């Protein structure tokens, strides 16, 4: 009877500990978890289960590695806020699967993403035909963001994908190429708007001839 009481007490305690750890690590929807997030969450949950199943073992045996994982996750989250390279390494980068109505098979192969995956996720977005899609972006979480064609748009007019051209003071060369622009063009446009140092820009996007620019907090 005493052993059952210990198991119940440990279950409640570990529940509160995991709730605390997840709250500290931040709020993210399950579908938005990165691979690293998912691995950490599974490991923490597994350690909690082991602690509950083995009431004779000291709780510190499970608690210490759980809090170590929490610390690692918090540190990586802080570092990723400061460095886009670290963020791309941890979370991955989004991939444009459909660009201006054209399917990019190379991007699909690179992400090991097949046409069945594409059609399933389009149906999930209530999109019946691939031909109705202007842009489709495969997010790092595996979620597909879909932008349908504007029915009122002139048939000869191409849509534009509002990708960030600068993030955390770093020019996104790949996004510039997708937008058909160059590094020189971007610098000239920014200088004409009074922004001489692009490294002070935290976020910059360009859509339909209009720039959105946000400066880094001093």
N, C-alpha and C. Protein backbone atom coordinates (compact mmCIF):
# COMPACT_ATOMS: atom_id res chain seq x y z
N UNK A 1 0.83 -1.21 0.00
CA UNK A 1 0.00 0.00 0.00
C UNK A 1 0.87 1.26 0.00
N UNK A 2 1.97 1.16 0.76
CA UNK A 2 2.89 2.29 0.84
C UNK A 2 3.51 2.59 -0.52
N UNK A 3 3.82 1.51 -1.27
CA UNK A 3 4.42 1.68 -2.59
C UNK A 3 3.48 2.40 -3.54
N UNK A 4 2.18 2.07 -3.47
CA UNK A 4 1.18 2.74 -4.31
C UNK A 4 1.07 4.22 -3.95
N UNK A 5 1.17 4.52 -2.68
CA UNK A 5 1.10 5.91 -2.23
C UNK A 5 2.28 6.70 -2.77
N UNK A 6 3.46 6.05 -2.79
CA UNK A 6 4.66 6.70 -3.33
C UNK A 6 4.50 6.97 -4.82
N UNK A 7 3.96 5.99 -5.54
CA UNK A 7 3.75 6.14 -6.98
C UNK A 7 2.78 7.28 -7.27
N UNK A 8 1.70 7.35 -6.50
CA UNK A 8 0.72 8.43 -6.69
C UNK A 8 1.35 9.79 -6.42
N UNK A 9 2.12 9.85 -5.32
CA UNK A 9 2.77 11.11 -4.96
C UNK A 9 3.78 11.53 -6.03
N UNK A 10 4.54 10.56 -6.53
CA UNK A 10 5.53 10.86 -7.57
C UNK A 10 4.86 11.29 -8.87
N UNK A 11 3.74 10.66 -9.19
CA UNK A 11 3.02 11.02 -10.41
C UNK A 11 2.57 12.48 -10.36
N UNK A 12 2.00 12.87 -9.24
CA UNK A 12 1.54 14.26 -9.08
C UNK A 12 2.72 15.22 -9.12
N UNK A 13 3.80 14.83 -8.43
CA UNK A 13 4.99 15.70 -8.37
C UNK A 13 5.61 15.85 -9.75
N UNK A 14 5.78 14.74 -10.49
CA UNK A 14 6.40 14.80 -11.81
C UNK A 14 5.52 15.56 -12.80
N UNK A 15 4.20 15.45 -12.63
CA UNK A 15 3.28 16.21 -13.46
C UNK A 15 3.52 17.71 -13.28
N UNK A 16 3.66 18.14 -12.04
CA UNK A 16 3.90 19.55 -11.74
C UNK A 16 5.27 19.99 -12.25
N UNK A 17 6.27 19.11 -12.13
CA UNK A 17 7.61 19.43 -12.61
C UNK A 17 7.61 19.61 -14.13
N UNK A 18 6.98 18.68 -14.85
CA UNK A 18 6.93 18.77 -16.32
C UNK A 18 6.15 20.01 -16.75
N UNK A 19 5.05 20.30 -16.06
CA UNK A 19 4.27 21.50 -16.37
C UNK A 19 5.12 22.74 -16.20
N UNK A 20 5.91 22.78 -15.12
CA UNK A 20 6.81 23.92 -14.87
C UNK A 20 7.87 24.03 -15.97
N UNK A 21 8.49 22.90 -16.32
CA UNK A 21 9.55 22.91 -17.34
C UNK A 21 9.02 23.38 -18.69
N UNK A 22 7.86 22.88 -19.09
CA UNK A 22 7.28 23.26 -20.39
C UNK A 22 6.89 24.74 -20.41
N UNK A 23 6.41 25.24 -19.25
CA UNK A 23 6.06 26.65 -19.17
C UNK A 23 7.30 27.53 -19.30
N UNK A 24 8.39 27.11 -18.66
CA UNK A 24 9.63 27.88 -18.70
C UNK A 24 10.22 27.88 -20.10
N UNK A 25 10.12 26.74 -20.80
CA UNK A 25 10.69 26.63 -22.15
C UNK A 25 9.88 27.41 -23.19
N UNK A 26 8.67 27.86 -22.84
CA UNK A 26 7.89 28.70 -23.75
C UNK A 26 6.72 27.98 -24.35
N UNK A 27 5.78 28.76 -24.85
CA UNK A 27 4.54 28.22 -25.44
C UNK A 27 4.69 28.09 -26.94
N UNK A 28 4.51 26.86 -27.43
CA UNK A 28 4.47 26.61 -28.86
C UNK A 28 3.44 25.53 -29.12
N UNK A 29 2.71 25.69 -30.21
CA UNK A 29 1.73 24.67 -30.57
C UNK A 29 2.44 23.39 -30.96
N UNK A 30 1.77 22.25 -30.75
CA UNK A 30 2.37 20.96 -31.07
C UNK A 30 2.81 20.91 -32.53
N UNK A 31 1.99 21.45 -33.43
CA UNK A 31 2.32 21.43 -34.85
C UNK A 31 3.48 22.34 -35.22
N UNK A 32 3.90 23.22 -34.31
CA UNK A 32 4.98 24.15 -34.58
C UNK A 32 6.29 23.73 -33.92
N UNK A 33 6.30 22.58 -33.27
CA UNK A 33 7.50 22.12 -32.60
C UNK A 33 8.57 21.75 -33.62
N UNK A 34 9.81 22.16 -33.34
CA UNK A 34 10.92 21.73 -34.17
C UNK A 34 11.30 20.31 -33.78
N UNK A 35 12.19 19.71 -34.57
CA UNK A 35 12.65 18.37 -34.26
C UNK A 35 13.33 18.35 -32.89
N UNK A 36 14.12 19.40 -32.62
CA UNK A 36 14.82 19.48 -31.34
C UNK A 36 13.83 19.58 -30.18
N UNK A 37 12.79 20.40 -30.34
CA UNK A 37 11.77 20.52 -29.30
C UNK A 37 11.14 19.17 -29.01
N UNK A 38 10.79 18.47 -30.09
CA UNK A 38 10.12 17.18 -29.95
C UNK A 38 11.00 16.16 -29.23
N UNK A 39 12.29 16.14 -29.59
CA UNK A 39 13.22 15.21 -28.95
C UNK A 39 13.34 15.51 -27.45
N UNK A 40 13.49 16.79 -27.12
CA UNK A 40 13.62 17.18 -25.71
C UNK A 40 12.37 16.82 -24.92
N UNK A 41 11.20 17.10 -25.49
CA UNK A 41 9.95 16.80 -24.80
C UNK A 41 9.79 15.30 -24.57
N UNK A 42 10.14 14.50 -25.57
CA UNK A 42 10.03 13.04 -25.43
C UNK A 42 10.98 12.53 -24.36
N UNK A 43 12.21 13.07 -24.36
CA UNK A 43 13.20 12.63 -23.37
C UNK A 43 12.77 12.98 -21.95
N UNK A 44 12.24 14.20 -21.78
CA UNK A 44 11.78 14.62 -20.45
C UNK A 44 10.61 13.75 -19.99
N UNK A 45 9.68 13.49 -20.89
CA UNK A 45 8.53 12.65 -20.54
C UNK A 45 8.98 11.24 -20.18
N UNK A 46 9.96 10.71 -20.92
CA UNK A 46 10.46 9.36 -20.65
C UNK A 46 11.14 9.29 -19.28
N UNK A 47 11.90 10.31 -18.95
CA UNK A 47 12.56 10.35 -17.64
C UNK A 47 11.54 10.40 -16.51
N UNK A 48 10.45 11.13 -16.73
CA UNK A 48 9.39 11.22 -15.73
C UNK A 48 8.73 9.86 -15.52
N UNK A 49 8.51 9.14 -16.62
CA UNK A 49 7.90 7.81 -16.53
C UNK A 49 8.80 6.85 -15.76
N UNK A 50 10.10 6.90 -16.04
CA UNK A 50 11.06 6.04 -15.34
C UNK A 50 11.05 6.33 -13.84
N UNK A 51 10.98 7.63 -13.49
CA UNK A 51 10.97 8.00 -12.08
C UNK A 51 9.72 7.49 -11.37
N UNK A 52 8.59 7.47 -12.09
CA UNK A 52 7.34 6.99 -11.50
C UNK A 52 7.34 5.47 -11.38
N UNK A 53 7.90 4.79 -12.39
CA UNK A 53 7.89 3.32 -12.39
C UNK A 53 8.88 2.71 -11.41
N UNK A 54 9.87 3.52 -10.99
CA UNK A 54 10.88 3.01 -10.06
C UNK A 54 10.87 3.83 -8.78
N UNK A 55 9.89 3.61 -7.92
CA UNK A 55 9.74 4.42 -6.70
C UNK A 55 10.90 4.28 -5.72
N UNK A 56 11.72 3.24 -5.88
CA UNK A 56 12.84 3.04 -4.97
C UNK A 56 14.04 3.92 -5.34
N UNK A 57 14.08 4.38 -6.59
CA UNK A 57 15.18 5.26 -7.02
C UNK A 57 14.95 6.68 -6.53
N UNK A 58 16.05 7.39 -6.27
CA UNK A 58 15.94 8.78 -5.84
C UNK A 58 15.41 9.65 -6.99
N UNK A 59 14.59 10.63 -6.63
CA UNK A 59 14.02 11.52 -7.65
C UNK A 59 15.09 12.34 -8.36
N UNK A 60 16.19 12.62 -7.66
CA UNK A 60 17.25 13.42 -8.26
C UNK A 60 17.82 12.76 -9.50
N UNK A 61 17.80 11.43 -9.54
CA UNK A 61 18.32 10.70 -10.70
C UNK A 61 17.56 11.11 -11.96
N UNK A 62 16.28 11.41 -11.85
CA UNK A 62 15.47 11.84 -12.99
C UNK A 62 15.42 13.36 -13.12
N UNK A 63 15.38 14.06 -11.98
CA UNK A 63 15.22 15.51 -12.00
C UNK A 63 16.43 16.23 -12.59
N UNK A 64 17.64 15.77 -12.23
CA UNK A 64 18.86 16.45 -12.70
C UNK A 64 18.94 16.48 -14.23
N UNK A 65 18.84 15.34 -14.93
CA UNK A 65 18.89 15.40 -16.40
C UNK A 65 17.73 16.17 -17.01
N UNK A 66 16.55 16.15 -16.37
CA UNK A 66 15.40 16.90 -16.89
C UNK A 66 15.69 18.39 -16.87
N UNK A 67 16.26 18.86 -15.77
CA UNK A 67 16.56 20.30 -15.68
C UNK A 67 17.77 20.67 -16.53
N UNK A 68 18.68 19.73 -16.76
CA UNK A 68 19.79 19.98 -17.68
C UNK A 68 19.25 20.19 -19.09
N UNK A 69 18.31 19.32 -19.52
CA UNK A 69 17.68 19.47 -20.83
C UNK A 69 16.93 20.80 -20.94
N UNK A 70 16.25 21.17 -19.86
CA UNK A 70 15.54 22.45 -19.86
C UNK A 70 16.52 23.60 -20.05
N UNK A 71 17.66 23.53 -19.34
CA UNK A 71 18.67 24.59 -19.46
C UNK A 71 19.24 24.67 -20.87
N UNK A 72 19.53 23.51 -21.46
CA UNK A 72 20.06 23.48 -22.83
C UNK A 72 19.06 24.10 -23.80
N UNK A 73 17.79 23.75 -23.62
CA UNK A 73 16.75 24.26 -24.51
C UNK A 73 16.61 25.77 -24.40
N UNK A 74 16.67 26.29 -23.18
CA UNK A 74 16.55 27.74 -22.97
C UNK A 74 17.75 28.47 -23.58
N UNK A 75 18.95 27.91 -23.38
CA UNK A 75 20.16 28.53 -23.94
C UNK A 75 20.11 28.55 -25.46
N UNK A 76 19.71 27.43 -26.06
CA UNK A 76 19.61 27.37 -27.52
C UNK A 76 18.56 28.33 -28.05
N UNK A 77 17.45 28.47 -27.31
CA UNK A 77 16.40 29.41 -27.73
C UNK A 77 16.92 30.84 -27.69
N UNK A 78 17.70 31.16 -26.66
CA UNK A 78 18.27 32.52 -26.54
C UNK A 78 19.28 32.77 -27.66
N UNK A 79 20.16 31.78 -27.90
CA UNK A 79 21.18 31.93 -28.94
C UNK A 79 20.53 32.06 -30.32
N UNK A 80 19.46 31.29 -30.56
CA UNK A 80 18.79 31.33 -31.87
C UNK A 80 18.13 32.68 -32.12
N UNK A 81 17.76 33.39 -31.03
CA UNK A 81 17.19 34.73 -31.19
C UNK A 81 18.24 35.70 -31.71
N UNK A 82 19.50 35.45 -31.36
CA UNK A 82 20.58 36.35 -31.74
C UNK A 82 21.24 35.97 -33.06
N UNK A 83 21.12 34.71 -33.46
CA UNK A 83 21.82 34.24 -34.65
C UNK A 83 20.87 33.50 -35.58
N UNK A 84 20.76 34.00 -36.81
CA UNK A 84 19.90 33.34 -37.79
C UNK A 84 20.48 32.00 -38.21
N UNK A 85 21.82 31.89 -38.28
CA UNK A 85 22.46 30.63 -38.68
C UNK A 85 22.12 29.52 -37.68
N UNK A 86 22.17 29.85 -36.40
CA UNK A 86 21.83 28.87 -35.36
C UNK A 86 20.35 28.51 -35.46
N UNK A 87 19.52 29.52 -35.73
CA UNK A 87 18.09 29.30 -35.85
C UNK A 87 17.77 28.37 -37.02
N UNK A 88 18.45 28.60 -38.15
CA UNK A 88 18.24 27.74 -39.32
C UNK A 88 18.73 26.32 -39.04
N UNK A 89 19.83 26.21 -38.28
CA UNK A 89 20.38 24.90 -37.96
C UNK A 89 19.45 24.11 -37.06
N UNK A 90 18.84 24.81 -36.09
CA UNK A 90 17.97 24.15 -35.11
C UNK A 90 16.58 23.89 -35.69
N UNK A 91 15.98 24.93 -36.24
CA UNK A 91 14.59 24.84 -36.69
C UNK A 91 14.44 24.46 -38.16
N UNK A 92 15.50 24.69 -38.95
CA UNK A 92 15.38 24.46 -40.38
C UNK A 92 14.83 25.69 -41.09
N UNK A 93 14.77 25.62 -42.42
CA UNK A 93 14.30 26.75 -43.21
C UNK A 93 13.06 26.34 -44.00
N UNK A 94 12.15 27.29 -44.22
CA UNK A 94 10.98 26.98 -45.05
C UNK A 94 11.38 26.77 -46.50
N UNK A 95 10.62 25.95 -47.21
CA UNK A 95 10.90 25.67 -48.62
C UNK A 95 9.68 26.02 -49.46
N UNK A 96 9.91 26.74 -50.55
CA UNK A 96 8.82 27.09 -51.46
C UNK A 96 8.57 25.91 -52.39
N UNK A 97 7.44 25.25 -52.20
CA UNK A 97 7.10 24.07 -53.00
C UNK A 97 6.41 24.46 -54.30
N UNK A 98 5.54 25.46 -54.22
CA UNK A 98 4.87 25.99 -55.42
C UNK A 98 5.18 27.48 -55.49
N UNK A 99 5.74 27.90 -56.62
CA UNK A 99 6.14 29.30 -56.79
C UNK A 99 5.51 29.86 -58.06
N UNK A 100 4.64 30.86 -57.88
CA UNK A 100 3.91 31.44 -59.01
C UNK A 100 3.17 30.38 -59.81
N UNK A 101 2.56 29.44 -59.09
CA UNK A 101 1.74 28.42 -59.72
C UNK A 101 2.51 27.24 -60.28
N UNK A 102 3.85 27.26 -60.18
CA UNK A 102 4.67 26.18 -60.71
C UNK A 102 5.26 25.35 -59.58
N UNK A 103 5.11 24.02 -59.69
CA UNK A 103 5.64 23.12 -58.66
C UNK A 103 7.15 22.99 -58.81
N UNK A 104 7.86 23.15 -57.70
CA UNK A 104 9.32 23.02 -57.69
C UNK A 104 9.68 21.60 -57.25
N UNK A 105 9.89 20.73 -58.22
CA UNK A 105 10.20 19.33 -57.89
C UNK A 105 11.53 19.18 -57.16
N UNK A 106 12.50 20.04 -57.47
CA UNK A 106 13.80 19.96 -56.80
C UNK A 106 13.66 20.24 -55.30
N UNK A 107 12.84 21.24 -54.97
CA UNK A 107 12.62 21.56 -53.56
C UNK A 107 11.91 20.42 -52.85
N UNK A 108 10.99 19.78 -53.56
CA UNK A 108 10.27 18.65 -52.99
C UNK A 108 11.21 17.48 -52.71
N UNK A 109 12.08 17.18 -53.67
CA UNK A 109 13.04 16.08 -53.49
C UNK A 109 14.00 16.37 -52.35
N UNK A 110 14.42 17.62 -52.25
CA UNK A 110 15.35 18.01 -51.19
C UNK A 110 14.74 17.80 -49.81
N UNK A 111 13.44 18.02 -49.70
CA UNK A 111 12.74 17.85 -48.42
C UNK A 111 12.12 16.46 -48.28
N UNK A 112 12.38 15.58 -49.27
CA UNK A 112 11.79 14.23 -49.28
C UNK A 112 10.27 14.33 -49.11
N UNK A 113 9.71 15.21 -49.92
CA UNK A 113 8.28 15.53 -49.88
C UNK A 113 7.68 15.13 -51.22
N UNK A 114 6.71 14.22 -51.21
CA UNK A 114 6.18 13.72 -52.48
C UNK A 114 4.82 14.34 -52.81
N UNK A 115 4.30 13.98 -53.99
CA UNK A 115 3.04 14.58 -54.44
C UNK A 115 1.85 14.13 -53.58
N UNK A 116 1.92 12.93 -53.03
CA UNK A 116 0.85 12.49 -52.12
C UNK A 116 0.79 13.39 -50.89
N UNK A 117 1.98 13.73 -50.34
CA UNK A 117 2.04 14.64 -49.19
C UNK A 117 1.43 15.99 -49.56
N UNK A 118 1.80 16.48 -50.73
CA UNK A 118 1.30 17.78 -51.19
C UNK A 118 -0.21 17.78 -51.32
N UNK A 119 -0.76 16.76 -51.99
CA UNK A 119 -2.21 16.69 -52.23
C UNK A 119 -2.98 16.54 -50.92
N UNK A 120 -2.44 15.74 -49.99
CA UNK A 120 -3.10 15.55 -48.69
C UNK A 120 -3.19 16.88 -47.94
N UNK A 121 -2.08 17.63 -47.92
CA UNK A 121 -2.08 18.89 -47.18
C UNK A 121 -2.90 19.97 -47.89
N UNK A 122 -2.97 19.91 -49.21
CA UNK A 122 -3.84 20.85 -49.93
C UNK A 122 -5.31 20.56 -49.63
N UNK A 123 -5.66 19.28 -49.60
CA UNK A 123 -7.05 18.92 -49.25
C UNK A 123 -7.37 19.36 -47.83
N UNK A 124 -6.39 19.27 -46.96
CA UNK A 124 -6.58 19.70 -45.57
C UNK A 124 -6.86 21.20 -45.49
N UNK A 125 -6.37 21.94 -46.51
CA UNK A 125 -6.60 23.39 -46.59
C UNK A 125 -7.84 23.71 -47.43
N UNK A 126 -8.60 22.66 -47.79
CA UNK A 126 -9.80 22.82 -48.63
C UNK A 126 -9.48 23.37 -50.02
N UNK A 127 -8.29 23.02 -50.52
CA UNK A 127 -7.89 23.40 -51.88
C UNK A 127 -8.07 22.18 -52.77
N UNK A 128 -8.95 22.29 -53.74
CA UNK A 128 -9.29 21.14 -54.58
C UNK A 128 -8.28 20.89 -55.68
N UNK A 129 -7.75 21.97 -56.28
CA UNK A 129 -6.86 21.82 -57.43
C UNK A 129 -5.52 22.50 -57.18
N UNK A 130 -4.46 21.81 -57.61
CA UNK A 130 -3.13 22.40 -57.50
C UNK A 130 -3.04 23.68 -58.33
N UNK A 131 -3.79 23.72 -59.41
CA UNK A 131 -3.78 24.88 -60.31
C UNK A 131 -4.32 26.14 -59.64
N UNK A 132 -5.02 25.98 -58.52
CA UNK A 132 -5.57 27.13 -57.80
C UNK A 132 -4.55 27.78 -56.86
N UNK A 133 -3.37 27.15 -56.74
CA UNK A 133 -2.38 27.61 -55.77
C UNK A 133 -1.35 28.53 -56.42
N UNK A 134 -1.17 29.69 -55.84
CA UNK A 134 -0.15 30.64 -56.29
C UNK A 134 1.20 30.31 -55.65
N UNK A 135 1.17 30.16 -54.31
CA UNK A 135 2.37 29.81 -53.56
C UNK A 135 2.03 28.77 -52.51
N UNK A 136 2.95 27.84 -52.28
CA UNK A 136 2.82 26.88 -51.18
C UNK A 136 4.19 26.76 -50.53
N UNK A 137 4.24 26.98 -49.23
CA UNK A 137 5.51 26.97 -48.50
C UNK A 137 5.48 25.88 -47.45
N UNK A 138 6.46 25.00 -47.50
CA UNK A 138 6.59 23.95 -46.50
C UNK A 138 7.40 24.51 -45.34
N UNK A 139 6.73 24.70 -44.20
CA UNK A 139 7.37 25.28 -43.03
C UNK A 139 8.27 24.26 -42.34
N UNK A 140 9.23 24.72 -41.52
CA UNK A 140 10.12 23.80 -40.80
C UNK A 140 9.37 22.79 -39.93
N UNK A 141 8.17 23.15 -39.48
CA UNK A 141 7.37 22.25 -38.64
C UNK A 141 6.70 21.14 -39.45
N UNK A 142 6.76 21.26 -40.80
CA UNK A 142 6.08 20.29 -41.66
C UNK A 142 4.72 20.78 -42.11
N UNK A 143 4.29 21.90 -41.60
CA UNK A 143 3.00 22.49 -42.00
C UNK A 143 3.14 23.16 -43.35
N UNK A 144 2.11 23.04 -44.18
CA UNK A 144 2.11 23.66 -45.50
C UNK A 144 1.28 24.94 -45.47
N UNK A 145 1.92 26.07 -45.77
CA UNK A 145 1.21 27.34 -45.87
C UNK A 145 0.83 27.55 -47.33
N UNK A 146 -0.45 27.79 -47.59
CA UNK A 146 -0.95 27.86 -48.96
C UNK A 146 -1.55 29.23 -49.24
N UNK A 147 -1.17 29.79 -50.40
CA UNK A 147 -1.73 31.07 -50.86
C UNK A 147 -2.37 30.82 -52.22
N UNK A 148 -3.68 30.95 -52.28
CA UNK A 148 -4.40 30.69 -53.52
C UNK A 148 -4.33 31.88 -54.47
N UNK A 149 -4.52 31.60 -55.74
CA UNK A 149 -4.50 32.64 -56.75
C UNK A 149 -5.69 33.57 -56.57
N UNK A 150 -5.44 34.84 -56.86
CA UNK A 150 -6.49 35.84 -56.80
C UNK A 150 -7.33 35.74 -58.07
N UNK A 151 -8.59 35.37 -57.92
CA UNK A 151 -9.45 35.16 -59.10
C UNK A 151 -9.65 36.44 -59.90
N UNK A 152 -9.56 37.61 -59.20
CA UNK A 152 -9.77 38.87 -59.88
C UNK A 152 -8.50 39.42 -60.50
N UNK A 153 -7.38 38.72 -60.23
CA UNK A 153 -6.10 39.20 -60.73
C UNK A 153 -5.99 38.98 -62.23
N UNK A 154 -5.40 39.92 -62.91
CA UNK A 154 -5.21 39.80 -64.36
C UNK A 154 -4.36 38.57 -64.67
N UNK A 155 -4.74 37.83 -65.68
CA UNK A 155 -4.06 36.57 -66.00
C UNK A 155 -2.58 36.76 -66.32
N UNK A 156 -2.21 37.94 -66.80
CA UNK A 156 -0.82 38.18 -67.17
C UNK A 156 0.00 38.71 -66.01
N UNK A 157 -0.64 38.97 -64.90
CA UNK A 157 0.06 39.56 -63.76
C UNK A 157 0.44 38.47 -62.76
N UNK A 158 1.72 38.39 -62.45
CA UNK A 158 2.18 37.40 -61.50
C UNK A 158 2.06 37.92 -60.08
N UNK A 159 1.78 37.00 -59.17
CA UNK A 159 1.73 37.38 -57.76
C UNK A 159 3.14 37.48 -57.20
N UNK A 160 3.25 38.01 -56.01
CA UNK A 160 4.54 38.13 -55.35
C UNK A 160 4.47 37.47 -53.99
N UNK A 161 5.56 36.82 -53.63
CA UNK A 161 5.63 36.15 -52.33
C UNK A 161 6.38 37.07 -51.38
N UNK A 162 5.73 37.46 -50.30
CA UNK A 162 6.29 38.46 -49.38
C UNK A 162 7.31 37.80 -48.44
N UNK A 163 8.49 37.48 -48.99
CA UNK A 163 9.55 36.89 -48.19
C UNK A 163 10.42 37.97 -47.58
N UNK A 164 10.96 37.74 -46.38
CA UNK A 164 11.84 38.73 -45.77
C UNK A 164 13.14 38.87 -46.54
N UNK A 165 13.55 40.10 -46.81
CA UNK A 165 14.79 40.35 -47.52
C UNK A 165 15.95 40.56 -46.56
N UNK A 166 15.62 40.98 -45.33
CA UNK A 166 16.63 41.13 -44.27
C UNK A 166 16.05 40.59 -42.98
N UNK A 167 16.82 39.78 -42.28
CA UNK A 167 16.43 39.31 -40.94
C UNK A 167 17.64 39.39 -40.03
N UNK A 168 17.44 40.03 -38.89
CA UNK A 168 18.52 40.18 -37.89
C UNK A 168 19.77 40.79 -38.50
N UNK A 169 19.59 41.76 -39.39
CA UNK A 169 20.73 42.46 -39.98
C UNK A 169 21.46 41.69 -41.06
N UNK A 170 20.87 40.58 -41.52
CA UNK A 170 21.51 39.75 -42.54
C UNK A 170 20.65 39.72 -43.80
N UNK A 171 21.23 40.08 -44.94
CA UNK A 171 20.51 40.06 -46.21
C UNK A 171 20.25 38.62 -46.64
N UNK A 172 19.00 38.34 -46.99
CA UNK A 172 18.61 36.99 -47.40
C UNK A 172 18.76 36.86 -48.92
N UNK A 173 19.95 36.43 -49.34
CA UNK A 173 20.27 36.35 -50.76
C UNK A 173 19.32 35.42 -51.50
N UNK A 174 18.95 34.31 -50.86
CA UNK A 174 18.06 33.34 -51.50
C UNK A 174 16.69 33.95 -51.77
N UNK A 175 16.18 34.74 -50.82
CA UNK A 175 14.88 35.38 -50.99
C UNK A 175 14.94 36.48 -52.05
N UNK A 176 16.08 37.18 -52.10
CA UNK A 176 16.26 38.20 -53.14
C UNK A 176 16.19 37.56 -54.52
N UNK A 177 16.83 36.42 -54.66
CA UNK A 177 16.84 35.72 -55.95
C UNK A 177 15.43 35.29 -56.34
N UNK A 178 14.66 34.81 -55.36
CA UNK A 178 13.28 34.39 -55.65
C UNK A 178 12.42 35.57 -56.08
N UNK A 179 12.74 36.75 -55.52
CA UNK A 179 11.97 37.96 -55.86
C UNK A 179 12.49 38.61 -57.15
N UNK A 180 13.58 38.05 -57.71
CA UNK A 180 14.14 38.62 -58.94
C UNK A 180 14.89 39.91 -58.70
N UNK A 181 15.41 40.09 -57.49
CA UNK A 181 16.14 41.31 -57.13
C UNK A 181 17.59 40.95 -56.78
N UNK A 182 18.43 42.00 -56.68
CA UNK A 182 19.84 41.78 -56.37
C UNK A 182 20.21 42.48 -55.07
N UNK A 183 21.39 42.11 -54.55
CA UNK A 183 21.90 42.74 -53.33
C UNK A 183 22.11 44.23 -53.55
N UNK A 184 22.64 44.59 -54.70
CA UNK A 184 22.89 45.99 -55.03
C UNK A 184 21.59 46.76 -55.07
N UNK A 185 20.57 46.19 -55.72
CA UNK A 185 19.26 46.85 -55.79
C UNK A 185 18.71 47.13 -54.39
N UNK A 186 18.81 46.16 -53.50
CA UNK A 186 18.29 46.32 -52.14
C UNK A 186 19.02 47.43 -51.40
N UNK A 187 20.35 47.44 -51.50
CA UNK A 187 21.14 48.47 -50.82
C UNK A 187 20.79 49.87 -51.34
N UNK A 188 20.63 49.98 -52.66
CA UNK A 188 20.28 51.28 -53.24
C UNK A 188 18.91 51.75 -52.77
N UNK A 189 17.95 50.81 -52.73
CA UNK A 189 16.60 51.16 -52.28
C UNK A 189 16.61 51.59 -50.82
N UNK A 190 17.36 50.90 -50.00
CA UNK A 190 17.43 51.24 -48.58
C UNK A 190 18.09 52.59 -48.36
N UNK A 191 19.16 52.86 -49.12
CA UNK A 191 19.83 54.16 -48.99
C UNK A 191 18.89 55.29 -49.41
N UNK A 192 18.09 55.05 -50.46
CA UNK A 192 17.15 56.09 -50.91
C UNK A 192 16.08 56.36 -49.86
N UNK A 193 15.82 55.37 -49.00
CA UNK A 193 14.84 55.53 -47.92
C UNK A 193 15.47 56.04 -46.63
N UNK A 194 16.80 56.24 -46.66
CA UNK A 194 17.48 56.78 -45.48
C UNK A 194 18.09 55.74 -44.56
N UNK A 195 18.13 54.48 -45.02
CA UNK A 195 18.72 53.41 -44.19
C UNK A 195 20.09 53.06 -44.78
N UNK A 196 21.16 53.61 -44.19
CA UNK A 196 22.50 53.41 -44.71
C UNK A 196 23.14 52.12 -44.23
N UNK A 197 22.78 51.69 -43.03
CA UNK A 197 23.38 50.49 -42.46
C UNK A 197 22.32 49.40 -42.32
N UNK A 198 22.34 48.41 -43.24
CA UNK A 198 21.32 47.37 -43.22
C UNK A 198 21.48 46.45 -42.00
N UNK A 199 22.67 46.47 -41.37
CA UNK A 199 22.90 45.63 -40.21
C UNK A 199 22.08 46.08 -38.98
N UNK A 200 21.54 47.29 -39.06
CA UNK A 200 20.71 47.80 -37.97
C UNK A 200 19.23 47.47 -38.18
N UNK A 201 18.93 46.81 -39.30
CA UNK A 201 17.55 46.45 -39.62
C UNK A 201 17.27 45.03 -39.12
N UNK A 202 16.25 44.89 -38.29
CA UNK A 202 15.91 43.57 -37.76
C UNK A 202 15.05 42.79 -38.75
N UNK A 203 14.20 43.51 -39.51
CA UNK A 203 13.32 42.83 -40.47
C UNK A 203 12.98 43.77 -41.60
N UNK A 204 13.08 43.25 -42.81
CA UNK A 204 12.72 44.04 -43.99
C UNK A 204 12.06 43.14 -45.02
N UNK A 205 10.90 43.55 -45.49
CA UNK A 205 10.21 42.81 -46.55
C UNK A 205 9.77 43.80 -47.62
N UNK A 206 9.46 43.24 -48.80
CA UNK A 206 9.09 44.07 -49.95
C UNK A 206 7.92 43.42 -50.66
N UNK A 207 6.83 44.17 -50.81
CA UNK A 207 5.64 43.60 -51.44
C UNK A 207 4.90 44.68 -52.23
N UNK A 208 4.70 44.40 -53.51
CA UNK A 208 3.97 45.32 -54.38
C UNK A 208 4.54 46.75 -54.34
N UNK A 209 5.87 46.83 -54.36
CA UNK A 209 6.52 48.13 -54.41
C UNK A 209 6.64 48.84 -53.09
N UNK A 210 6.24 48.19 -52.00
CA UNK A 210 6.26 48.83 -50.69
C UNK A 210 7.18 48.05 -49.74
N UNK A 211 8.07 48.79 -49.05
CA UNK A 211 8.95 48.19 -48.07
C UNK A 211 8.32 48.25 -46.68
N UNK A 212 8.52 47.18 -45.93
CA UNK A 212 8.23 47.20 -44.49
C UNK A 212 9.56 47.01 -43.78
N UNK A 213 9.95 47.98 -42.95
CA UNK A 213 11.25 47.94 -42.29
C UNK A 213 11.10 48.15 -40.80
N UNK A 214 11.73 47.26 -40.05
CA UNK A 214 11.73 47.38 -38.59
C UNK A 214 13.18 47.39 -38.11
N UNK A 215 13.54 48.41 -37.36
CA UNK A 215 14.92 48.56 -36.87
C UNK A 215 15.11 47.78 -35.57
N UNK A 216 16.36 47.39 -35.35
CA UNK A 216 16.69 46.69 -34.10
C UNK A 216 16.54 47.64 -32.92
N UNK A 217 16.10 47.11 -31.80
CA UNK A 217 15.98 47.90 -30.59
C UNK A 217 17.37 48.27 -30.08
N UNK A 218 17.54 49.54 -29.78
CA UNK A 218 18.84 50.00 -29.27
C UNK A 218 19.01 49.60 -27.81
